[in-house]
Protein backbone atom coordinates (compact mmCIF):
# COMPACT_ATOMS: atom_id res chain seq x y z
CA MET A 1 -62.09 -7.30 -26.18
CA LYS A 2 -60.05 -10.17 -24.09
CA LYS A 3 -56.77 -9.26 -25.30
CA TYR A 4 -57.37 -5.36 -24.03
CA TRP A 5 -57.79 -6.74 -20.32
CA VAL A 6 -54.90 -8.85 -20.66
CA VAL A 7 -52.71 -6.46 -21.98
CA ILE A 8 -53.77 -3.66 -19.38
CA GLY A 9 -53.34 -6.43 -16.70
CA VAL A 10 -49.71 -7.37 -17.89
CA LEU A 11 -49.12 -3.32 -17.83
CA GLY A 12 -51.17 -3.06 -14.16
CA VAL A 13 -48.51 -5.81 -12.88
CA PHE A 14 -45.17 -4.63 -14.64
CA ILE A 15 -46.08 -0.99 -13.23
CA ILE A 16 -46.64 -2.08 -9.52
CA PHE A 17 -43.30 -4.35 -9.86
CA MET A 18 -41.40 -1.29 -11.17
CA MET A 19 -42.76 0.87 -8.05
CA LEU A 20 -41.51 -1.88 -5.81
CA ASN A 21 -38.63 -2.09 -7.09
CA ASN A 22 -38.02 1.57 -7.06
CA ASN A 23 -38.72 1.91 -3.15
CA GLU A 24 -36.38 -0.61 -2.45
CA LEU A 25 -33.66 1.10 -4.97
CA LYS A 26 -34.50 4.46 -2.95
CA LYS A 27 -33.70 2.92 0.33
CA GLU A 28 -30.30 1.41 -0.71
CA VAL A 29 -29.53 4.97 -2.21
CA GLU A 30 -30.19 6.31 1.62
CA GLY A 31 -28.46 3.76 3.02
CA ASN A 32 -25.22 4.16 0.82
CA THR A 33 -25.85 7.91 1.28
CA GLN A 34 -25.72 7.82 5.50
CA GLU A 35 -22.27 5.55 4.81
CA ILE A 36 -20.68 8.14 2.97
CA GLN A 37 -21.94 10.62 5.12
CA ALA A 38 -20.26 8.33 8.36
CA PHE A 39 -17.08 7.88 6.36
CA GLU A 40 -16.56 11.56 5.28
CA GLU A 41 -17.15 12.77 9.38
CA SER A 42 -14.58 10.21 10.44
CA GLU A 43 -11.58 11.59 11.98
CA ASP A 44 -9.16 8.66 10.46
CA ILE A 45 -6.38 10.20 8.71
CA ILE A 46 -3.88 8.20 6.12
CA TYR A 47 -0.39 10.08 6.00
CA TYR A 48 0.18 9.65 2.49
CA GLU A 49 3.41 11.25 2.59
CA ALA A 50 4.55 8.71 4.95
CA GLY A 51 3.81 6.19 2.38
CA GLU A 52 5.67 7.99 -0.25
CA VAL A 53 8.45 7.98 2.28
CA ALA A 54 8.34 4.45 2.95
CA LYS A 55 8.34 3.33 -0.43
CA ALA A 56 11.56 5.52 -1.48
CA PHE A 57 13.66 3.82 1.69
CA VAL A 58 12.56 0.35 0.10
CA GLU A 59 13.43 1.56 -3.59
CA ASN A 60 16.83 2.97 -2.28
CA TYR A 61 17.80 0.56 -0.09
CA PHE A 62 17.13 -2.69 -2.27
CA HIS A 63 17.87 -0.91 -5.63
CA TYR A 64 22.05 -1.78 -5.71
CA THR A 65 25.14 -3.09 -7.48
CA GLY A 66 27.08 -4.51 -4.75
CA HIS A 67 25.73 -3.28 -1.37
CA PRO A 68 23.43 -0.78 -0.41
CA VAL A 69 24.76 2.80 -0.45
CA GLU A 70 24.24 4.55 2.80
CA ASP A 71 23.76 8.06 0.84
CA ASN A 72 20.63 6.76 -0.73
CA VAL A 73 19.02 6.08 2.14
CA SER A 74 20.30 8.57 4.65
CA GLU A 75 17.50 11.31 4.08
CA PHE A 76 14.80 8.69 4.50
CA VAL A 77 15.78 7.01 7.70
CA THR A 78 16.18 8.49 11.73
CA THR A 79 19.78 8.01 12.92
CA ASP A 80 19.15 4.96 15.08
CA VAL A 81 17.60 2.93 11.71
CA LEU A 82 20.53 3.79 9.76
CA LYS A 83 22.98 2.61 12.47
CA GLU A 84 20.94 -0.88 12.19
CA LEU A 85 21.18 -0.99 8.34
CA SER A 86 23.99 -3.08 6.47
CA PHE A 87 26.09 -1.19 4.01
CA GLY A 88 28.57 -3.57 3.06
CA SER A 89 32.02 -3.82 4.16
CA SER A 90 35.57 -4.55 2.90
CA GLU A 91 35.34 -7.99 4.47
CA TYR A 92 33.30 -8.87 1.45
CA SER A 93 34.53 -10.70 -1.34
CA ASP A 94 34.88 -9.55 -4.91
CA ASP A 95 31.97 -11.84 -5.74
CA LEU A 96 29.75 -10.37 -3.59
CA GLU A 97 30.43 -6.95 -5.26
CA LYS A 98 28.85 -8.04 -8.40
CA VAL A 99 25.54 -8.60 -6.67
CA GLU A 100 22.91 -6.72 -8.18
CA SER A 101 19.45 -6.18 -6.43
CA SER A 102 16.26 -4.52 -7.42
CA VAL A 103 12.65 -4.24 -6.62
CA HIS A 104 9.85 -5.11 -8.48
CA GLN A 105 5.92 -5.25 -7.96
CA MET A 106 5.72 -2.99 -4.91
CA ASN A 107 2.43 -2.96 -3.33
CA VAL A 108 1.78 -0.39 -0.26
CA TYR A 109 -1.25 -0.69 2.09
CA TYR A 110 -1.80 2.17 5.20
CA GLY A 111 -2.17 0.63 8.65
CA GLU A 112 -2.45 2.25 12.13
CA GLN A 113 -1.95 5.82 12.36
CA THR A 114 -1.94 8.33 15.39
CA GLU A 115 -0.57 12.08 15.43
CA GLY A 116 2.68 12.43 13.52
CA LYS A 117 3.03 8.56 12.84
CA GLN A 118 1.95 5.77 10.30
CA LYS A 119 2.62 2.33 9.76
CA VAL A 120 3.06 1.31 6.61
CA LEU A 121 3.13 -2.49 4.73
CA ILE A 122 4.77 -3.01 1.55
CA LEU A 123 4.89 -6.14 -0.11
CA PHE A 124 7.47 -6.71 -3.15
CA ASP A 125 9.94 -9.16 -4.98
CA ASN A 126 13.07 -8.61 -4.51
CA VAL A 127 15.40 -9.45 -7.35
CA ILE A 128 19.05 -10.68 -6.52
CA GLU A 129 21.41 -11.49 -9.11
CA LEU A 130 24.49 -13.37 -9.17
CA ASN A 131 26.46 -14.38 -12.01
CA GLU A 132 23.88 -14.41 -14.36
CA VAL A 133 21.62 -16.15 -12.16
CA GLU A 134 18.22 -14.59 -11.03
CA SER A 135 16.38 -15.63 -7.56
CA VAL A 136 13.49 -13.60 -6.77
CA ALA A 137 12.76 -13.38 -2.81
CA LYS A 138 8.81 -12.32 -1.81
CA THR A 139 9.18 -10.10 0.92
CA ILE A 140 6.98 -8.16 3.37
CA MET A 141 8.05 -5.02 5.15
CA GLU A 142 6.25 -3.52 8.11
CA ILE A 143 7.42 0.00 8.31
CA ASP A 144 6.76 2.78 10.95
CA VAL A 145 7.16 6.08 9.61
CA GLU A 146 7.00 9.72 12.24
CA GLN A 147 6.95 13.05 11.63
CA GLN A 148 10.04 14.69 12.38
CA GLU A 149 9.38 18.48 12.23
CA GLU A 150 8.82 18.70 8.50
CA ASN A 151 9.98 15.50 7.14
CA TRP A 152 8.55 12.31 7.59
CA LYS A 153 11.61 9.36 8.08
CA VAL A 154 11.40 5.53 8.95
CA SER A 155 11.68 4.83 12.40
CA GLU A 156 11.21 1.49 12.64
CA PHE A 157 10.98 -1.95 10.52
CA THR A 158 10.94 -5.39 10.27
CA PHE A 159 10.83 -7.88 7.13
CA ASN A 160 10.90 -11.17 6.01
CA GLN A 161 11.91 -12.86 2.55
CA TYR A 162 10.56 -15.71 1.43
């Protein structure tokens, strides 16, 4: 008979424990539901199209043999940015024409946005090869992308390589 009272006591403690734990879980679910609603109702917008344009700009500007090609990036940038970019000229030696540049391990992050503007941060490895010697420059690029009529264009950028 004593065994039954012990079993009933253990079951009683277990049931009370489960009820308390259940109440805590209900409160946690309610809190998470409120956070989800607040997020869904927020006015924050991320312009993913701007990020795709910034990514295409980086891929097309930093992927070349010899020097960057203006025609590859002109559709992604404003005329002011196009004037700032370097595309090589006849003053380069023949050795530099053998330089190969490529982009690896690209990560895109979205920053502040306003109506028709998006700040994009891109981290990537710029792999440069000359005479079969390869070097890697870790690159951080901050890009401002603006909507101009129907298209997104890079309007400003800064970058550092390490």
